[in-house]
Amino acid sequence: MRLRQTLGILSDENGAVLITTLLVLTVLSIIIFSLNDTSNVERRIAMNDRDYKIAFNNADTGISVGLNVVEAVFVENFDGTSMPSVGFTYYKEDGTLADTEEAVLAAFQKLILPPAGSKASVGFSVYGNHDVRVEISFNDRTHLPGTEKGFAFFYDMESEGEAADSARSAVEARYRHIERF
């Protein structure tokens, strides 16, 4: 008799729908949570990509501003006694802030008329949403053939841009300025 009661309970299908529904809901929940996790990872990848593109664009802008700084020095016939009209924060060669006009003038004097055999440089930061640090180094000056007072000035430029979440990018460029005095 006990065996019949046990077999009767096992053959009874009451509650089978509940168990099947719970299993289906469990499987669906697992699928939904894994899809949500995948979309979160893809969102973080997209945000990191955006931040690094912003950092690159900031560094590239630094190079453009560096070209403008060099051109401003030549266009204004910089003689080492007055500031070029570019409004940035300048740094000395040792990386400390050039907090006086004299310190900035000294940096620009070395940039245009460097002592023999030296690699003079001037650094500055462009402030906006994120910091951009630019370093301009005098590389060489060459006499232009066929001219009495023509020179080509060569500069190396390094720019480092920042963006959110510590994203950084660096851009390097070489610039040549032709000047006929």
C-alpha atoms as a PDB file:
ATOM      1  CA  MET A   1       0.000   0.000   0.000  1.00  0.00           C
ATOM      2  CA  ARG A   2       2.777   2.394   0.747  1.00  0.00           C
ATOM      3  CA  LEU A   3       4.316   1.716  -2.600  1.00  0.00           C
ATOM      4  CA  ARG A   4       1.065   2.601  -4.326  1.00  0.00           C
ATOM      5  CA  GLN A   5       0.808   5.856  -2.417  1.00  0.00           C
ATOM      6  CA  THR A   6       4.387   6.752  -3.316  1.00  0.00           C
ATOM      7  CA  LEU A   7       3.841   5.894  -6.979  1.00  0.00           C
ATOM      8  CA  GLY A   8       0.604   7.842  -6.945  1.00  0.00           C
ATOM      9  CA  ILE A   9       2.356  10.961  -5.696  1.00  0.00           C
ATOM     10  CA  LEU A  10       5.080  10.623  -8.326  1.00  0.00           C
ATOM     11  CA  SER A  11       2.583  10.170 -11.132  1.00  0.00           C
ATOM     12  CA  ASP A  12       0.552  13.172 -10.024  1.00  0.00           C
ATOM     13  CA  GLU A  13       1.363  16.124 -12.336  1.00  0.00           C
ATOM     14  CA  ASN A  14       0.133  18.845 -10.007  1.00  0.00           C
ATOM     15  CA  GLY A  15       2.920  21.468  -9.616  1.00  0.00           C
ATOM     16  CA  ALA A  16       4.846  20.449 -12.747  1.00  0.00           C
ATOM     17  CA  VAL A  17       3.875  23.699 -14.445  1.00  0.00           C
ATOM     18  CA  LEU A  18       5.239  25.648 -11.477  1.00  0.00           C
ATOM     19  CA  ILE A  19       8.598  23.875 -11.601  1.00  0.00           C
ATOM     20  CA  THR A  20       8.841  24.282 -15.385  1.00  0.00           C
ATOM     21  CA  THR A  21       7.999  27.970 -15.096  1.00  0.00           C
ATOM     22  CA  LEU A  22      10.632  28.472 -12.405  1.00  0.00           C
ATOM     23  CA  LEU A  23      13.272  26.750 -14.561  1.00  0.00           C
ATOM     24  CA  VAL A  24      12.402  28.878 -17.606  1.00  0.00           C
ATOM     25  CA  LEU A  25      12.497  32.067 -15.512  1.00  0.00           C
ATOM     26  CA  THR A  26      15.869  31.077 -14.053  1.00  0.00           C
ATOM     27  CA  VAL A  27      17.354  30.492 -17.529  1.00  0.00           C
ATOM     28  CA  LEU A  28      15.908  33.781 -18.813  1.00  0.00           C
ATOM     29  CA  SER A  29      17.309  35.655 -15.806  1.00  0.00           C
ATOM     30  CA  ILE A  30      20.782  34.246 -16.443  1.00  0.00           C
ATOM     31  CA  ILE A  31      20.610  35.295 -20.094  1.00  0.00           C
ATOM     32  CA  ILE A  32      19.420  38.806 -19.225  1.00  0.00           C
ATOM     33  CA  PHE A  33      22.156  39.313 -16.615  1.00  0.00           C
ATOM     34  CA  SER A  34      24.881  38.136 -19.002  1.00  0.00           C
ATOM     35  CA  LEU A  35      23.594  40.476 -21.741  1.00  0.00           C
ATOM     36  CA  ASN A  36      23.569  43.354 -19.268  1.00  0.00           C
ATOM     37  CA  ASP A  37      27.157  42.597 -18.258  1.00  0.00           C
ATOM     38  CA  THR A  38      28.231  42.510 -21.916  1.00  0.00           C
ATOM     39  CA  SER A  39      26.614  45.871 -22.603  1.00  0.00           C
ATOM     40  CA  ASN A  40      28.367  47.391 -19.551  1.00  0.00           C
ATOM     41  CA  VAL A  41      31.741  46.180 -20.823  1.00  0.00           C
ATOM     42  CA  GLU A  42      31.035  47.594 -24.286  1.00  0.00           C
ATOM     43  CA  ARG A  43      29.996  50.928 -22.737  1.00  0.00           C
ATOM     44  CA  ARG A  44      33.276  51.109 -20.789  1.00  0.00           C
ATOM     45  CA  ILE A  45      35.249  50.305 -23.954  1.00  0.00           C
ATOM     46  CA  ALA A  46      33.461  53.109 -25.817  1.00  0.00           C
ATOM     47  CA  MET A  47      34.110  55.581 -22.974  1.00  0.00           C
ATOM     48  CA  ASN A  48      37.828  54.691 -22.857  1.00  0.00           C
ATOM     49  CA  ASP A  49      38.070  55.058 -26.636  1.00  0.00           C
ATOM     50  CA  ARG A  50      36.409  58.474 -26.417  1.00  0.00           C
ATOM     51  CA  ASP A  51      38.790  59.598 -23.645  1.00  0.00           C
ATOM     52  CA  TYR A  52      41.878  58.536 -25.601  1.00  0.00           C
ATOM     53  CA  LYS A  53      40.612  60.300 -28.730  1.00  0.00           C
ATOM     54  CA  ILE A  54      40.107  63.473 -26.684  1.00  0.00           C
ATOM     55  CA  ALA A  55      43.644  63.115 -25.281  1.00  0.00           C
ATOM     56  CA  PHE A  56      45.047  62.667 -28.791  1.00  0.00           C
ATOM     57  CA  ASN A  57      43.146  65.693 -30.094  1.00  0.00           C
ATOM     58  CA  ASN A  58      44.421  67.751 -27.164  1.00  0.00           C
ATOM     59  CA  ALA A  59      48.005  66.689 -27.905  1.00  0.00           C
ATOM     60  CA  ASP A  60      47.539  67.448 -31.594  1.00  0.00           C
ATOM     61  CA  THR A  61      46.158  70.874 -30.704  1.00  0.00           C
ATOM     62  CA  GLY A  62      49.287  71.450 -28.637  1.00  0.00           C
ATOM     63  CA  ILE A  63      51.409  70.963 -31.762  1.00  0.00           C
ATOM     64  CA  SER A  64      49.267  73.486 -33.660  1.00  0.00           C
ATOM     65  CA  VAL A  65      49.594  75.983 -30.830  1.00  0.00           C
ATOM     66  CA  GLY A  66      53.362  75.331 -30.760  1.00  0.00           C
ATOM     67  CA  LEU A  67      53.568  76.259 -34.441  1.00  0.00           C
ATOM     68  CA  ASN A  68      51.675  79.453 -33.673  1.00  0.00           C
ATOM     69  CA  VAL A  69      54.094  80.269 -30.842  1.00  0.00           C
ATOM     70  CA  VAL A  70      57.127  79.892 -33.119  1.00  0.00           C
ATOM     71  CA  GLU A  71      55.466  81.927 -35.864  1.00  0.00           C
ATOM     72  CA  ALA A  72      54.465  84.671 -33.387  1.00  0.00           C
ATOM     73  CA  VAL A  73      58.075  84.949 -32.287  1.00  0.00           C
ATOM     74  CA  PHE A  74      59.274  85.432 -35.880  1.00  0.00           C
ATOM     75  CA  VAL A  75      56.396  87.606 -37.092  1.00  0.00           C
ATOM     76  CA  GLU A  76      56.839  90.017 -34.207  1.00  0.00           C
ATOM     77  CA  ASN A  77      60.592  90.151 -34.907  1.00  0.00           C
ATOM     78  CA  PHE A  78      61.294  88.920 -31.418  1.00  0.00           C
ATOM     79  CA  ASP A  79      64.412  90.610 -30.132  1.00  0.00           C
ATOM     80  CA  GLY A  80      64.409  89.199 -26.604  1.00  0.00           C
ATOM     81  CA  THR A  81      63.183  92.385 -24.959  1.00  0.00           C
ATOM     82  CA  SER A  82      59.404  92.027 -25.146  1.00  0.00           C
ATOM     83  CA  MET A  83      56.984  89.171 -24.742  1.00  0.00           C
ATOM     84  CA  PRO A  84      55.563  87.427 -27.802  1.00  0.00           C
ATOM     85  CA  SER A  85      51.792  87.926 -27.741  1.00  0.00           C
ATOM     86  CA  VAL A  86      50.753  84.379 -26.928  1.00  0.00           C
ATOM     87  CA  GLY A  87      48.847  83.977 -23.691  1.00  0.00           C
ATOM     88  CA  PHE A  88      49.920  80.745 -22.055  1.00  0.00           C
ATOM     89  CA  THR A  89      51.573  79.529 -18.912  1.00  0.00           C
ATOM     90  CA  TYR A  90      55.254  78.946 -19.619  1.00  0.00           C
ATOM     91  CA  TYR A  91      57.714  76.552 -18.001  1.00  0.00           C
ATOM     92  CA  LYS A  92      61.462  76.762 -17.570  1.00  0.00           C
ATOM     93  CA  GLU A  93      63.737  74.055 -18.967  1.00  0.00           C
ATOM     94  CA  ASP A  94      63.771  72.311 -15.581  1.00  0.00           C
ATOM     95  CA  GLY A  95      59.970  72.000 -15.710  1.00  0.00           C
ATOM     96  CA  THR A  96      59.228  74.623 -13.059  1.00  0.00           C
ATOM     97  CA  LEU A  97      56.781  77.410 -13.703  1.00  0.00           C
ATOM     98  CA  ALA A  98      58.266  80.497 -15.385  1.00  0.00           C
ATOM     99  CA  ASP A  99      56.436  82.922 -13.117  1.00  0.00           C
ATOM    100  CA  THR A 100      58.161  86.115 -14.242  1.00  0.00           C
ATOM    101  CA  GLU A 101      58.327  87.813 -17.620  1.00  0.00           C
ATOM    102  CA  GLU A 102      62.131  87.686 -17.411  1.00  0.00           C
ATOM    103  CA  ALA A 103      62.088  83.889 -17.133  1.00  0.00           C
ATOM    104  CA  VAL A 104      59.823  83.596 -20.180  1.00  0.00           C
ATOM    105  CA  LEU A 105      61.960  86.065 -22.153  1.00  0.00           C
ATOM    106  CA  ALA A 106      65.079  84.059 -21.302  1.00  0.00           C
ATOM    107  CA  ALA A 107      63.402  80.876 -22.584  1.00  0.00           C
ATOM    108  CA  PHE A 108      62.414  82.545 -25.856  1.00  0.00           C
ATOM    109  CA  GLN A 109      65.867  84.066 -26.311  1.00  0.00           C
ATOM    110  CA  LYS A 110      67.323  80.577 -26.119  1.00  0.00           C
ATOM    111  CA  LEU A 111      64.680  79.290 -28.497  1.00  0.00           C
ATOM    112  CA  ILE A 112      65.481  81.774 -31.268  1.00  0.00           C
ATOM    113  CA  LEU A 113      69.147  82.508 -30.573  1.00  0.00           C
ATOM    114  CA  PRO A 114      70.430  79.504 -28.630  1.00  0.00           C
ATOM    115  CA  PRO A 115      73.984  79.358 -27.341  1.00  0.00           C
ATOM    116  CA  ALA A 116      76.280  77.418 -29.659  1.00  0.00           C
ATOM    117  CA  GLY A 117      75.858  73.679 -29.341  1.00  0.00           C
ATOM    118  CA  SER A 118      72.832  73.864 -27.053  1.00  0.00           C
ATOM    119  CA  LYS A 119      69.331  72.524 -27.548  1.00  0.00           C
ATOM    120  CA  ALA A 120      67.206  75.328 -26.135  1.00  0.00           C
ATOM    121  CA  SER A 121      63.554  74.702 -25.391  1.00  0.00           C
ATOM    122  CA  VAL A 122      60.466  76.389 -24.065  1.00  0.00           C
ATOM    123  CA  GLY A 123      57.467  74.631 -22.573  1.00  0.00           C
ATOM    124  CA  PHE A 124      53.953  75.820 -21.967  1.00  0.00           C
ATOM    125  CA  SER A 125      50.524  74.555 -21.077  1.00  0.00           C
ATOM    126  CA  VAL A 126      47.260  75.275 -22.790  1.00  0.00           C
ATOM    127  CA  TYR A 127      44.351  75.185 -20.394  1.00  0.00           C
ATOM    128  CA  GLY A 128      40.881  74.186 -21.393  1.00  0.00           C
ATOM    129  CA  ASN A 129      38.949  71.155 -20.277  1.00  0.00           C
ATOM    130  CA  HIS A 130      42.196  69.216 -19.897  1.00  0.00           C
ATOM    131  CA  ASP A 131      45.864  70.094 -19.616  1.00  0.00           C
ATOM    132  CA  VAL A 132      48.088  70.105 -22.699  1.00  0.00           C
ATOM    133  CA  ARG A 133      51.842  70.321 -22.169  1.00  0.00           C
ATOM    134  CA  VAL A 134      53.974  71.378 -25.150  1.00  0.00           C
ATOM    135  CA  GLU A 135      57.758  71.377 -25.405  1.00  0.00           C
ATOM    136  CA  ILE A 136      59.453  73.213 -28.282  1.00  0.00           C
ATOM    137  CA  SER A 137      63.153  72.543 -28.770  1.00  0.00           C
ATOM    138  CA  PHE A 138      65.478  74.357 -31.143  1.00  0.00           C
ATOM    139  CA  ASN A 139      67.200  71.714 -33.223  1.00  0.00           C
ATOM    140  CA  ASP A 140      69.273  73.406 -35.902  1.00  0.00           C
ATOM    141  CA  ARG A 141      69.735  76.521 -38.018  1.00  0.00           C
ATOM    142  CA  THR A 142      70.951  76.203 -41.599  1.00  0.00           C
ATOM    143  CA  HIS A 143      71.972  78.913 -44.065  1.00  0.00           C
ATOM    144  CA  LEU A 144      69.818  78.874 -47.200  1.00  0.00           C
ATOM    145  CA  PRO A 145      71.904  78.475 -50.359  1.00  0.00           C
ATOM    146  CA  GLY A 146      71.641  81.373 -52.784  1.00  0.00           C
ATOM    147  CA  THR A 147      70.648  83.905 -50.125  1.00  0.00           C
ATOM    148  CA  GLU A 148      72.814  86.233 -48.156  1.00  0.00           C
ATOM    149  CA  LYS A 149      70.735  86.351 -44.986  1.00  0.00           C
ATOM    150  CA  GLY A 150      68.302  83.449 -45.329  1.00  0.00           C
ATOM    151  CA  PHE A 151      68.086  80.720 -42.716  1.00  0.00           C
ATOM    152  CA  ALA A 152      66.012  77.662 -42.028  1.00  0.00           C
ATOM    153  CA  PHE A 153      65.257  77.085 -38.353  1.00  0.00           C
ATOM    154  CA  PHE A 154      64.367  73.539 -37.288  1.00  0.00           C
ATOM    155  CA  TYR A 155      62.329  72.793 -34.191  1.00  0.00           C
ATOM    156  CA  ASP A 156      61.264  69.565 -32.530  1.00  0.00           C
ATOM    157  CA  MET A 157      57.910  69.673 -30.784  1.00  0.00           C
ATOM    158  CA  GLU A 158      56.456  67.278 -28.263  1.00  0.00           C
ATOM    159  CA  SER A 159      52.919  67.621 -27.009  1.00  0.00           C
ATOM    160  CA  GLU A 160      51.158  65.599 -24.349  1.00  0.00           C
ATOM    161  CA  GLY A 161      47.403  65.827 -23.966  1.00  0.00           C
ATOM    162  CA  GLU A 162      45.237  64.606 -21.129  1.00  0.00           C
ATOM    163  CA  ALA A 163      41.593  63.650 -20.830  1.00  0.00           C
ATOM    164  CA  ALA A 164      39.315  62.097 -18.249  1.00  0.00           C
ATOM    165  CA  ASP A 165      40.215  58.942 -16.338  1.00  0.00           C
ATOM    166  CA  SER A 166      43.983  59.441 -16.772  1.00  0.00           C
ATOM    167  CA  ALA A 167      43.871  59.073 -20.554  1.00  0.00           C
ATOM    168  CA  ARG A 168      47.065  60.480 -22.098  1.00  0.00           C
ATOM    169  CA  SER A 169      48.401  60.803 -25.598  1.00  0.00           C
ATOM    170  CA  ALA A 170      51.648  62.184 -26.993  1.00  0.00           C
ATOM    171  CA  VAL A 171      52.371  63.674 -30.415  1.00  0.00           C
ATOM    172  CA  GLU A 172      55.769  64.618 -31.823  1.00  0.00           C
ATOM    173  CA  ALA A 173      56.480  66.853 -34.804  1.00  0.00           C
ATOM    174  CA  ARG A 174      59.386  68.553 -36.540  1.00  0.00           C
ATOM    175  CA  TYR A 175      58.860  72.075 -37.815  1.00  0.00           C
ATOM    176  CA  ARG A 176      60.940  74.120 -40.249  1.00  0.00           C
ATOM    177  CA  HIS A 177      60.669  77.885 -40.398  1.00  0.00           C
ATOM    178  CA  ILE A 178      62.276  79.779 -43.304  1.00  0.00           C
ATOM    179  CA  GLU A 179      63.368  83.318 -42.509  1.00  0.00           C
ATOM    180  CA  ARG A 180      64.961  85.804 -44.896  1.00  0.00           C
ATOM    181  CA  PHE A 181      66.365  88.702 -42.899  1.00  0.00           C
END
